Amino acid sequence: MKIIVKAPGTCGELVQGMLNDINVHITCPINLYSQVGIQLNNSQNLTITDPKKTKVLQAVTKTMLHLTGKIWGAHIEINSQILEAKGMASSTADISAAIFATGKVLGYTLSSSEIAKIALSIEPSDGLFFPGIVAFDHVRGKFYKKIGKAPNLDILVFDYGGEVDTIKFNQRPDLQEKNRNNELTIKKAFRLVEEGIKTQNNSLIAQGSTISALTNQNIILKPGLEKILELALKEGALGINIAHSGTLLGIFIEPDKVEESELHKKITKEFSFIKFIGKYKLINGGINELREVGEPCSIFENMVAT
């Protein structure tokens, strides 16, 4: 039997910072996906279509050991639309989809909290695998809060270029102090976005997310951010968000209320150091099973879960 699932990427985060000494972000899932397929076989090995995806192999191995106490032979297929090392949570999407698919192929439906525990044992992880829009501690998993459903909101996504390693970023010696210094402002941003999601008020969401983006300038500077915001607002955009540990910039627009092609052309013309990636929608997070292919493998006959 082959299980195929998909998990969304993100355009950074709506908010990210430290609240009461806990790392917290509010998720920003978009309609861009990593798809993972897993099929058990009678070999003694794990094989994968992209050998560079070592974190996926870790995820599959850890999930198998967690559920059954042993590693099964399997083939893993990965097809991802998500850019890497930009702040689109490409690794989290790969890892969480692999964890969920491994559970399903072994006969288990893992909860989001179980996925979080395994994913965080590999690296800091976005909360994109939780349904809806949530707040989540991406470093230790000490905080989770369901906020609500994604509103009807489009995001124009731009890239400053370069790459940011998530693990190295979270190991920065100055990060904790900077986050503490930003805490009061991040609390305000958090409240605005939370209220905006709950009331489906796009202006409040964009207002809070913009505050968080500007506050993060003392952690990862994005040149010209304030001027880009000013131009975007003049063209009818609601506000901005960023990848707080990445290279992305998002501009929020309401569907059919802004001429997006003109807006991104003006921005890339005036700010030639950023590249337009595309227009996406803010969506609900969560992992979706696409399909099951074939019958259960005969090796299950002697499987005993532990």
Protein backbone atom coordinates (compact mmCIF):
# COMPACT_ATOMS: atom_id res chain seq x y z
CA MET A 1 0.00 0.00 0.00
CA LYS A 2 1.20 3.48 -0.86
CA ILE A 3 0.12 6.54 1.12
CA ILE A 4 0.39 10.02 -0.43
CA VAL A 5 -0.11 13.18 1.64
CA LYS A 6 0.66 16.87 1.33
CA ALA A 7 1.53 19.68 3.74
CA PRO A 8 1.52 23.42 2.98
CA GLY A 9 4.44 25.78 2.93
CA THR A 10 4.27 29.26 4.40
CA CYS A 11 5.04 32.87 3.67
CA GLY A 12 7.05 33.30 6.85
CA GLU A 13 4.86 34.03 9.86
CA LEU A 14 2.10 36.49 10.71
CA VAL A 15 3.85 37.21 14.03
CA GLN A 16 6.99 35.85 15.65
CA GLY A 17 8.81 36.64 18.86
CA MET A 18 8.99 35.82 22.53
CA LEU A 19 6.06 35.95 24.96
CA ASN A 20 6.78 35.27 28.63
CA ASP A 21 10.12 33.63 27.76
CA ILE A 22 8.47 31.28 25.26
CA ASN A 23 9.18 31.40 21.53
CA VAL A 24 5.90 31.86 19.67
CA HIS A 25 4.81 32.42 16.10
CA ILE A 26 1.43 32.69 14.41
CA THR A 27 1.31 30.53 11.32
CA CYS A 28 0.95 31.87 7.77
CA PRO A 29 0.23 28.83 5.56
CA ILE A 30 -0.15 29.40 1.81
CA ASN A 31 -1.32 27.29 -1.13
CA LEU A 32 2.09 25.85 -1.95
CA TYR A 33 2.79 22.24 -0.98
CA SER A 34 5.22 19.44 -0.27
CA GLN A 35 3.87 16.05 -1.29
CA VAL A 36 5.23 12.85 0.23
CA GLY A 37 4.42 9.29 -0.77
CA ILE A 38 5.51 6.23 1.20
CA GLN A 39 5.23 2.57 0.22
CA LEU A 40 6.37 -0.31 2.40
CA ASN A 41 8.28 -3.18 0.84
CA ASN A 42 10.02 -6.39 1.88
CA SER A 43 13.53 -4.94 1.76
CA GLN A 44 15.55 -4.00 4.82
CA ASN A 45 16.23 -0.46 3.61
CA LEU A 46 14.71 2.99 3.34
CA THR A 47 15.12 4.51 -0.13
CA ILE A 48 14.21 8.04 -1.17
CA THR A 49 13.87 9.89 -4.48
CA ASP A 50 15.95 12.82 -3.24
CA PRO A 51 18.92 11.66 -1.13
CA LYS A 52 19.56 15.25 0.01
CA LYS A 53 16.35 15.12 2.05
CA THR A 54 18.10 13.60 5.06
CA LYS A 55 15.62 15.18 7.49
CA VAL A 56 12.82 13.26 5.80
CA LEU A 57 14.70 10.02 6.37
CA GLN A 58 15.10 11.02 10.03
CA ALA A 59 11.37 11.75 10.25
CA VAL A 60 10.38 8.39 8.75
CA THR A 61 12.86 6.48 10.94
CA LYS A 62 11.80 8.24 14.15
CA THR A 63 8.12 7.69 13.36
CA MET A 64 8.57 4.00 12.66
CA LEU A 65 10.52 3.49 15.88
CA HIS A 66 7.96 5.52 17.85
CA LEU A 67 5.03 3.49 16.57
CA THR A 68 6.41 -0.02 16.15
CA GLY A 69 9.84 -0.17 17.76
CA LYS A 70 11.52 -1.12 14.48
CA ILE A 71 12.44 0.26 11.06
CA TRP A 72 10.57 -1.11 8.06
CA GLY A 73 11.71 -1.29 4.45
CA ALA A 74 10.06 1.45 2.43
CA HIS A 75 10.41 3.75 -0.56
CA ILE A 76 9.79 7.48 -0.09
CA GLU A 77 8.85 9.87 -2.89
CA ILE A 78 9.02 13.65 -2.42
CA ASN A 79 7.63 16.34 -4.72
CA SER A 80 7.81 19.85 -3.33
CA GLN A 81 6.79 23.23 -4.75
CA ILE A 82 8.37 25.05 -1.80
CA LEU A 83 11.58 27.08 -2.02
CA GLU A 84 14.25 26.05 0.47
CA ALA A 85 16.10 28.21 3.03
CA LYS A 86 13.84 31.20 2.38
CA GLY A 87 11.41 31.05 5.30
CA MET A 88 8.69 29.04 3.55
CA ALA A 89 8.96 26.20 6.10
CA SER A 90 10.06 23.77 3.40
CA SER A 91 11.72 21.42 5.90
CA THR A 92 8.71 21.42 8.23
CA ALA A 93 6.37 20.68 5.33
CA ASP A 94 8.59 17.78 4.18
CA ILE A 95 9.09 16.42 7.70
CA SER A 96 5.49 16.68 8.88
CA ALA A 97 4.11 15.16 5.67
CA ALA A 98 6.61 12.30 6.00
CA ILE A 99 5.66 11.71 9.65
CA PHE A 100 1.95 11.63 8.89
CA ALA A 101 2.39 9.42 5.80
CA THR A 102 4.58 6.98 7.75
CA GLY A 103 1.95 6.71 10.45
CA LYS A 104 -0.81 6.06 7.92
CA VAL A 105 1.13 3.41 6.02
CA LEU A 106 1.70 1.63 9.34
CA GLY A 107 -1.98 1.85 10.21
CA TYR A 108 -1.95 4.88 12.53
CA THR A 109 -3.42 8.36 12.26
CA LEU A 110 -1.05 10.62 14.17
CA SER A 111 -2.39 13.74 15.89
CA SER A 112 -0.91 17.17 15.26
CA SER A 113 0.65 17.14 18.73
CA GLU A 114 2.36 13.80 18.00
CA ILE A 115 3.65 15.19 14.72
CA ALA A 116 4.94 18.25 16.57
CA LYS A 117 6.87 16.14 19.07
CA ILE A 118 8.63 14.12 16.39
CA ALA A 119 9.29 17.13 14.14
CA LEU A 120 10.78 19.19 16.98
CA SER A 121 13.15 16.33 17.80
CA ILE A 122 14.69 16.97 14.38
CA GLU A 123 14.72 20.80 14.20
CA PRO A 124 12.72 23.93 15.11
CA SER A 125 9.41 23.60 13.30
CA ASP A 126 6.60 25.77 11.99
CA GLY A 127 3.09 24.98 13.24
CA LEU A 128 1.75 24.54 9.69
CA PHE A 129 0.64 20.94 10.39
CA PHE A 130 -2.01 22.14 12.87
CA PRO A 131 -5.44 22.79 11.30
CA GLY A 132 -6.41 26.43 10.77
CA ILE A 133 -4.27 29.33 11.94
CA VAL A 134 -2.48 28.71 15.23
CA ALA A 135 0.12 30.09 17.62
CA PHE A 136 2.94 27.65 18.34
CA ASP A 137 6.30 27.46 20.09
CA HIS A 138 8.53 26.51 17.16
CA VAL A 139 11.59 25.71 19.28
CA ARG A 140 10.38 23.53 22.18
CA GLY A 141 6.67 23.05 21.59
CA LYS A 142 5.75 24.46 25.01
CA PHE A 143 2.90 26.61 23.68
CA TYR A 144 0.00 25.95 21.33
CA LYS A 145 -3.16 27.94 20.78
CA LYS A 146 -5.79 27.54 18.09
CA ILE A 147 -6.71 30.97 16.79
CA GLY A 148 -9.21 30.39 13.99
CA LYS A 149 -9.70 29.92 10.27
CA ALA A 150 -7.84 31.68 7.49
CA PRO A 151 -9.72 34.64 5.99
CA ASN A 152 -9.98 35.41 2.29
CA LEU A 153 -6.64 37.17 1.86
CA ASP A 154 -4.04 37.17 -0.90
CA ILE A 155 -0.29 37.56 -0.40
CA LEU A 156 2.19 38.88 -2.95
CA VAL A 157 5.43 37.12 -2.07
CA PHE A 158 8.88 38.64 -2.68
CA ASP A 159 12.37 37.34 -1.96
CA TYR A 160 15.34 39.41 -0.78
CA GLY A 161 17.72 36.68 -1.94
CA GLY A 162 20.24 34.57 -0.11
CA GLU A 163 19.50 31.80 2.38
CA VAL A 164 18.95 31.44 6.12
CA ASP A 165 19.61 28.20 8.00
CA THR A 166 16.82 27.69 10.56
CA ILE A 167 18.94 25.74 13.02
CA LYS A 168 21.82 28.24 12.95
CA PHE A 169 19.41 31.16 13.24
CA ASN A 170 17.84 29.74 16.41
CA GLN A 171 21.32 29.22 17.88
CA ARG A 172 22.30 32.89 17.55
CA PRO A 173 23.74 34.05 20.91
CA ASP A 174 22.01 37.44 20.69
CA LEU A 175 18.59 36.12 19.66
CA GLN A 176 17.07 35.66 23.11
CA GLU A 177 18.04 39.14 24.28
CA LYS A 178 16.71 40.79 21.12
CA ASN A 179 13.45 38.87 21.40
CA ARG A 180 13.04 39.96 25.01
CA ASN A 181 13.64 43.58 24.02
CA ASN A 182 10.90 43.27 21.39
CA GLU A 183 8.38 41.51 23.63
CA LEU A 184 5.98 44.37 24.40
CA THR A 185 5.62 45.23 20.73
CA ILE A 186 5.19 41.58 19.76
CA LYS A 187 2.42 41.19 22.35
CA LYS A 188 0.56 44.05 20.66
CA ALA A 189 1.07 42.46 17.24
CA PHE A 190 -0.10 39.09 18.58
CA ARG A 191 -3.31 40.60 20.01
CA LEU A 192 -4.14 42.40 16.75
CA VAL A 193 -3.62 39.33 14.57
CA GLU A 194 -5.51 37.08 16.99
CA GLU A 195 -8.49 39.45 17.01
CA GLY A 196 -8.27 39.82 13.23
CA ILE A 197 -8.35 36.06 12.65
CA LYS A 198 -11.20 35.54 15.10
CA THR A 199 -13.31 38.33 13.57
CA GLN A 200 -12.11 37.76 9.97
CA ASN A 201 -10.89 41.35 9.88
CA ASN A 202 -8.12 41.55 7.29
CA SER A 203 -7.08 45.05 8.29
CA LEU A 204 -6.35 43.98 11.87
CA ILE A 205 -4.39 40.96 10.66
CA ALA A 206 -2.28 43.11 8.36
CA GLN A 207 -1.79 45.75 11.04
CA GLY A 208 -0.47 43.26 13.59
CA SER A 209 1.66 41.44 11.05
CA THR A 210 3.19 44.71 9.87
CA ILE A 211 4.14 45.60 13.44
CA SER A 212 5.85 42.24 13.86
CA ALA A 213 7.69 42.62 10.54
CA LEU A 214 9.04 46.06 11.41
CA THR A 215 9.99 44.97 14.92
CA ASN A 216 12.09 42.14 13.48
CA GLN A 217 14.35 44.63 11.68
CA ASN A 218 16.76 44.58 14.63
CA ILE A 219 17.12 40.78 14.23
CA ILE A 220 17.30 40.33 10.45
CA LEU A 221 17.44 43.63 8.57
CA LYS A 222 15.45 43.74 5.35
CA PRO A 223 16.71 46.83 3.47
CA GLY A 224 14.08 49.30 2.31
CA LEU A 225 11.27 47.53 4.17
CA GLU A 226 9.68 50.73 5.46
CA LYS A 227 9.73 52.32 1.99
CA ILE A 228 8.31 49.18 0.39
CA LEU A 229 5.51 49.24 2.96
CA GLU A 230 4.80 52.89 2.18
CA LEU A 231 4.58 52.20 -1.56
CA ALA A 232 2.38 49.15 -1.03
CA LEU A 233 -0.06 51.04 1.19
CA LYS A 234 -0.35 53.83 -1.40
CA GLU A 235 -1.35 51.21 -3.97
CA GLY A 236 -4.11 49.83 -1.75
CA ALA A 237 -2.36 47.00 0.07
CA LEU A 238 -3.31 46.33 3.69
CA GLY A 239 0.16 45.71 5.13
CA ILE A 240 3.09 43.32 5.10
CA ASN A 241 4.53 40.24 6.74
CA ILE A 242 7.95 38.60 6.61
CA ALA A 243 9.83 35.41 7.20
CA HIS A 244 11.28 36.35 10.59
CA SER A 245 14.13 33.87 10.14
CA GLY A 246 14.22 33.98 6.36
CA THR A 247 14.42 36.16 3.25
CA LEU A 248 10.75 36.54 2.33
CA LEU A 249 8.45 39.57 2.28
CA GLY A 250 4.69 39.26 1.89
CA ILE A 251 2.29 42.04 0.93
CA PHE A 252 -1.34 41.55 1.92
CA ILE A 253 -4.03 42.48 -0.57
CA GLU A 254 -7.73 41.74 -0.58
CA PRO A 255 -8.89 39.80 -3.66
CA ASP A 256 -9.93 41.98 -6.61
CA LYS A 257 -9.30 45.23 -4.73
CA VAL A 258 -5.74 45.91 -5.89
CA GLU A 259 -4.13 45.68 -9.32
CA GLU A 260 -1.51 43.21 -8.17
CA SER A 261 0.46 43.07 -11.42
CA GLU A 262 1.02 46.81 -11.32
CA LEU A 263 1.90 46.70 -7.64
CA HIS A 264 4.60 44.06 -7.92
CA LYS A 265 6.01 45.71 -11.06
CA LYS A 266 6.34 49.05 -9.24
CA ILE A 267 8.00 47.41 -6.25
CA THR A 268 10.53 45.38 -8.23
CA LYS A 269 11.30 48.40 -10.44
CA GLU A 270 11.99 50.72 -7.50
CA PHE A 271 13.59 48.02 -5.31
CA SER A 272 15.61 45.99 -7.78
CA PHE A 273 17.24 43.90 -5.02
CA ILE A 274 14.04 41.90 -4.40
CA LYS A 275 12.42 39.34 -6.67
CA PHE A 276 8.70 38.68 -7.11
CA ILE A 277 7.91 35.02 -6.38
CA GLY A 278 4.16 34.96 -6.98
CA LYS A 279 0.67 35.56 -5.62
CA TYR A 280 -0.67 33.06 -3.10
CA LYS A 281 -3.57 32.73 -0.72
CA LEU A 282 -3.50 32.55 3.06
CA ILE A 283 -4.99 29.13 3.80
CA ASN A 284 -5.75 26.88 6.75
CA GLY A 285 -2.87 24.71 7.93
CA GLY A 286 -3.07 20.97 8.29
CA ILE A 287 -1.86 17.82 6.57
CA ASN A 288 -4.11 16.29 3.94
CA GLU A 289 -4.13 12.68 2.82
CA LEU A 290 -4.46 12.62 -0.96
CA ARG A 291 -5.01 8.92 -1.53
CA GLU A 292 -4.17 5.33 -0.68
CA VAL A 293 -2.91 3.11 -3.47
CA GLY A 294 -3.07 -0.68 -3.37
CA GLU A 295 -3.75 -3.20 -0.66
CA PRO A 296 -2.07 -3.44 2.77
CA CYS A 297 1.36 -5.08 2.50
CA SER A 298 1.66 -8.69 3.68
CA ILE A 299 4.43 -7.76 6.12
CA PHE A 300 1.74 -6.35 8.41
CA GLU A 301 0.63 -9.87 9.29
CA ASN A 302 3.42 -10.20 11.85
CA MET A 303 3.57 -6.58 12.96
CA VAL A 304 3.05 -5.86 16.62
CA ALA A 305 2.80 -2.21 17.59
CA THR A 306 4.67 -1.07 20.68
